[in-house]
Protein backbone atom coordinates (compact mmCIF):
# COMPACT_ATOMS: atom_id res chain seq x y z
CA MET A 1 1.64 17.78 16.39
CA SER A 2 2.36 14.67 14.31
CA ARG A 3 2.54 11.24 15.90
CA SER A 4 5.42 8.83 15.33
CA ARG A 5 3.29 5.68 15.45
CA GLU A 6 -0.19 4.43 14.81
CA PRO A 7 -2.69 4.19 17.72
CA PHE A 8 -1.92 1.28 20.06
CA ALA A 9 -5.32 -0.38 19.43
CA SER A 10 -4.60 -0.36 15.71
CA LEU A 11 -1.23 -2.01 16.25
CA LEU A 12 -2.86 -4.76 18.30
CA LEU A 13 -5.47 -5.40 15.59
CA TYR A 14 -2.81 -5.37 12.89
CA HIS A 15 -0.67 -8.00 14.62
CA ALA A 16 -3.69 -10.17 15.44
CA PHE A 17 -4.87 -10.15 11.81
CA LYS A 18 -1.34 -10.56 10.45
CA TRP A 19 -0.33 -13.59 12.48
CA SER A 20 -3.70 -15.38 12.50
CA ILE A 21 -4.70 -14.92 8.85
CA VAL A 22 -2.47 -12.98 6.44
CA SER A 23 0.94 -14.43 7.24
CA PRO A 24 -0.22 -18.09 7.21
CA PHE A 25 -2.08 -17.43 3.95
CA LEU A 26 0.97 -15.79 2.38
CA HIS A 27 3.52 -18.38 3.47
CA THR A 28 1.48 -21.55 2.90
CA LEU A 29 -0.99 -21.11 0.03
CA LEU A 30 1.13 -18.48 -1.79
CA ARG A 31 4.57 -19.77 -0.78
CA GLY A 32 5.52 -16.14 -0.24
CA LYS A 33 9.09 -14.86 -0.42
CA ILE A 34 9.91 -11.43 1.01
CA TYR A 35 13.04 -9.44 0.23
CA GLY A 36 14.12 -6.04 1.54
CA ALA A 37 12.06 -5.81 4.75
CA GLU A 38 15.05 -4.14 6.38
CA ASN A 39 14.46 -1.11 4.12
CA VAL A 40 11.21 -0.17 5.87
CA PRO A 41 11.25 2.74 8.36
CA ARG A 42 9.53 1.34 11.44
CA THR A 43 8.08 4.63 12.69
CA GLY A 44 6.95 7.96 11.30
CA SER A 45 4.87 8.89 8.29
CA LEU A 46 5.57 6.86 5.16
CA VAL A 47 4.02 6.63 1.69
CA VAL A 48 4.13 3.06 0.42
CA VAL A 49 3.79 2.82 -3.37
CA SER A 50 3.31 -0.46 -5.17
CA ASN A 51 2.05 -2.12 -8.29
CA HIS A 52 -1.39 -3.71 -8.15
CA ALA A 53 -2.76 -6.89 -9.71
CA SER A 54 -5.05 -8.46 -7.09
CA ASN A 55 -7.64 -7.62 -4.43
CA PHE A 56 -5.34 -9.40 -1.98
CA ASP A 57 -2.56 -6.84 -2.46
CA PRO A 58 -3.36 -4.43 0.43
CA PRO A 59 -3.09 -6.97 3.28
CA ILE A 60 -0.06 -8.59 1.63
CA VAL A 61 1.76 -5.25 1.45
CA SER A 62 0.89 -4.39 5.05
CA ASN A 63 2.05 -7.83 6.21
CA CYS A 64 5.39 -7.57 4.44
CA VAL A 65 6.38 -4.06 5.54
CA ARG A 66 5.83 -5.13 9.17
CA ARG A 67 3.62 -2.19 10.11
CA PRO A 68 0.01 -1.21 9.39
CA VAL A 69 -0.62 0.47 6.04
CA ALA A 70 -3.72 2.63 5.61
CA TYR A 71 -5.59 2.29 2.31
CA MET A 72 -8.66 4.12 1.05
CA ALA A 73 -11.97 2.25 1.17
CA LYS A 74 -15.45 2.88 -0.18
CA GLU A 75 -17.42 5.33 1.95
CA GLU A 76 -20.36 2.91 2.07
CA LEU A 77 -18.36 0.51 4.25
CA PHE A 78 -18.12 3.14 6.98
CA LYS A 79 -21.91 3.14 7.40
CA ILE A 80 -21.98 -0.48 8.59
CA PRO A 81 -21.90 -0.83 12.42
CA VAL A 82 -18.95 -2.78 13.85
CA LEU A 83 -17.29 -3.01 10.41
CA LYS A 84 -16.82 0.76 10.50
CA GLN A 85 -14.91 0.60 13.78
CA ALA A 86 -12.87 -2.40 12.67
CA ILE A 87 -11.67 -0.97 9.36
CA GLU A 88 -10.93 2.41 10.97
CA LEU A 89 -8.75 0.68 13.55
CA TYR A 90 -7.01 -1.14 10.70
CA GLY A 91 -6.27 2.18 9.02
CA ALA A 92 -8.85 2.43 6.25
CA TYR A 93 -10.08 5.90 5.39
CA PRO A 94 -13.30 6.68 3.49
CA VAL A 95 -13.49 8.02 -0.04
CA SER A 96 -16.78 8.52 -1.87
CA ARG A 97 -17.19 7.68 -5.53
CA GLY A 98 -17.07 10.70 -7.78
CA SER A 99 -15.61 12.96 -5.09
CA GLY A 100 -12.35 13.40 -6.99
CA ASP A 101 -8.80 13.17 -5.72
CA ARG A 102 -8.90 16.12 -3.30
CA LYS A 103 -10.88 14.32 -0.59
CA ALA A 104 -8.71 11.20 -0.88
CA ILE A 105 -5.52 13.27 -0.57
CA LYS A 106 -6.87 15.12 2.46
CA ALA A 107 -7.77 11.83 4.16
CA ALA A 108 -4.36 10.33 3.37
CA LEU A 109 -2.59 13.38 4.81
CA LYS A 110 -4.60 13.02 8.03
CA CYS A 111 -3.47 9.37 8.34
CA LEU A 112 0.16 10.37 7.81
CA GLU A 113 -0.14 13.05 10.48
CA ASP A 114 -1.43 10.36 12.85
CA GLY A 115 1.70 8.24 12.35
CA TRP A 116 0.42 5.80 9.75
CA ALA A 117 2.06 4.46 6.65
CA VAL A 118 -0.30 5.18 3.73
CA GLY A 119 -0.49 2.80 0.79
CA VAL A 120 -1.03 4.04 -2.77
CA PHE A 121 -1.17 1.90 -5.89
CA LEU A 122 1.02 3.86 -8.28
CA GLN A 123 -1.13 3.21 -11.35
CA GLY A 124 -4.36 3.62 -9.39
CA THR A 125 -5.85 0.38 -10.69
CA ARG A 126 -4.98 -3.25 -11.28
CA THR A 127 -2.82 -4.25 -14.24
CA PRO A 128 -2.95 -7.71 -15.85
CA ASP A 129 0.73 -8.57 -15.37
CA GLY A 130 1.64 -6.45 -12.35
CA ARG A 131 3.84 -4.05 -14.30
CA ILE A 132 3.32 -0.29 -14.12
CA THR A 133 2.81 1.40 -17.49
CA ASP A 134 0.90 4.58 -16.60
CA PRO A 135 1.87 5.82 -13.11
CA LYS A 136 -0.17 8.60 -11.51
CA ARG A 137 1.25 11.58 -9.60
CA GLY A 138 -1.08 11.27 -6.56
CA ALA A 139 1.40 9.41 -4.35
CA ALA A 140 4.14 11.95 -5.07
CA LEU A 141 1.76 14.81 -4.28
CA ILE A 142 0.79 13.25 -0.95
CA ALA A 143 4.46 12.68 -0.09
CA ALA A 144 5.36 16.26 -1.01
CA LYS A 145 2.57 17.77 1.08
CA ALA A 146 3.35 15.56 4.09
CA GLN A 147 7.13 15.63 3.55
CA ALA A 148 7.02 11.87 3.96
CA PRO A 149 9.52 9.44 2.42
CA ILE A 150 8.32 7.05 -0.28
CA LEU A 151 8.85 3.29 -0.11
CA PRO A 152 8.58 1.30 -3.40
CA VAL A 153 7.16 -2.20 -3.04
CA CYS A 154 6.83 -4.75 -5.84
CA LEU A 155 4.31 -7.59 -5.82
CA TRP A 156 5.19 -10.39 -8.22
CA GLY A 157 2.68 -13.11 -9.11
CA THR A 158 -0.43 -11.83 -7.31
CA GLN A 159 -2.41 -11.57 -10.56
CA ALA A 160 -2.70 -15.37 -10.53
CA ILE A 161 -4.35 -15.56 -7.09
CA GLU A 162 -7.81 -14.77 -8.44
CA SER A 163 -7.53 -16.24 -11.94
CA GLY A 164 -9.73 -19.15 -12.90
CA ASP A 165 -13.41 -19.89 -12.29
CA GLY A 166 -13.25 -20.74 -8.59
CA ALA A 167 -14.29 -18.34 -5.86
CA LEU A 168 -11.41 -19.43 -3.63
CA PRO A 169 -7.88 -18.03 -4.05
CA ARG A 170 -5.49 -20.20 -6.00
CA SER A 171 -2.26 -21.59 -4.66
CA THR A 172 0.41 -19.72 -6.62
CA PRO A 173 3.95 -18.50 -5.88
CA VAL A 174 4.16 -14.84 -4.84
CA THR A 175 7.25 -12.72 -4.23
CA ILE A 176 7.41 -9.32 -2.53
CA ARG A 177 10.44 -7.09 -3.00
CA ILE A 178 10.86 -3.89 -1.00
CA GLY A 179 13.15 -1.24 -2.45
CA ASN A 180 15.14 1.62 -1.00
CA VAL A 181 13.37 4.68 0.34
CA ILE A 182 12.92 7.52 -2.17
CA ASP A 183 13.04 11.14 -1.01
CA PHE A 184 9.79 13.07 -1.19
CA PRO A 185 9.44 15.76 -3.90
CA GLN A 186 10.84 19.12 -2.84
CA SER A 187 7.89 20.96 -4.38
CA THR A 188 4.41 20.27 -5.74
CA SER A 189 5.27 21.46 -9.24
CA LYS A 190 4.08 19.17 -12.02
CA GLU A 191 7.66 18.62 -13.19
CA GLU A 192 8.95 17.62 -9.75
CA LEU A 193 6.00 15.34 -9.07
CA GLU A 194 6.41 13.66 -12.47
CA LEU A 195 10.15 13.16 -11.89
CA VAL A 196 9.60 11.40 -8.56
CA THR A 197 6.64 9.40 -9.91
CA GLN A 198 8.73 8.05 -12.77
CA LYS A 199 11.52 7.22 -10.32
CA CYS A 200 9.04 5.18 -8.24
CA ALA A 201 7.70 3.39 -11.33
CA ALA A 202 11.21 2.56 -12.53
CA ALA A 203 12.14 1.19 -9.09
CA ILE A 204 9.06 -1.04 -8.89
CA ASN A 205 9.38 -2.33 -12.47
CA SER A 206 13.08 -3.07 -11.91
CA LEU A 207 12.16 -5.14 -8.86
CA HIS A 208 9.43 -6.87 -10.89
CA ASP A 209 11.99 -7.81 -13.56
CA LEU A 210 13.86 -9.86 -10.94
CA GLY A 211 10.93 -12.31 -10.96
CA ARG A 212 10.55 -15.04 -8.39
């Protein structure tokens, strides 16, 4: 039986981390603006798809959709005592290098069944300007298998957070725009997955074109 919400301990950790670290960081150093938060379903499984230009993107996305978002993490991190328990509570799920997409998809489906929102970067890797040029079908496949709605999220300006020679994040304006929910694919056929993937990419790039 699927759950409608994340475990209570995970919600407590999420809010503690959000209000003590992520939200102050976003609204002071990054002068963050957030649009469309009302579009986020507050409960139930959800696939959050976004562009990706910075290592800071996962906590920023989770902060702005106002609920924990589970992202994949390197399997090696789950072998470290204390850290393992902490990142599991925060929703991370392990994926080993070279294991292929099947294990990652299986882990994401388990998170969705447990009531989490699962975050997927639509292009699978960072892009220099935050725009999506080569979207992958993995998010659509996960959504189809879980019958979970898809939420497009656009991060504008995060590529500048880590630019420069300094080890510390730069103060730069960042804008997050959350689009309307997109229905999950009705089948796992290549054509249906590609259609929904392109719809997600178009939604995110349209939000990115709005700029600051």
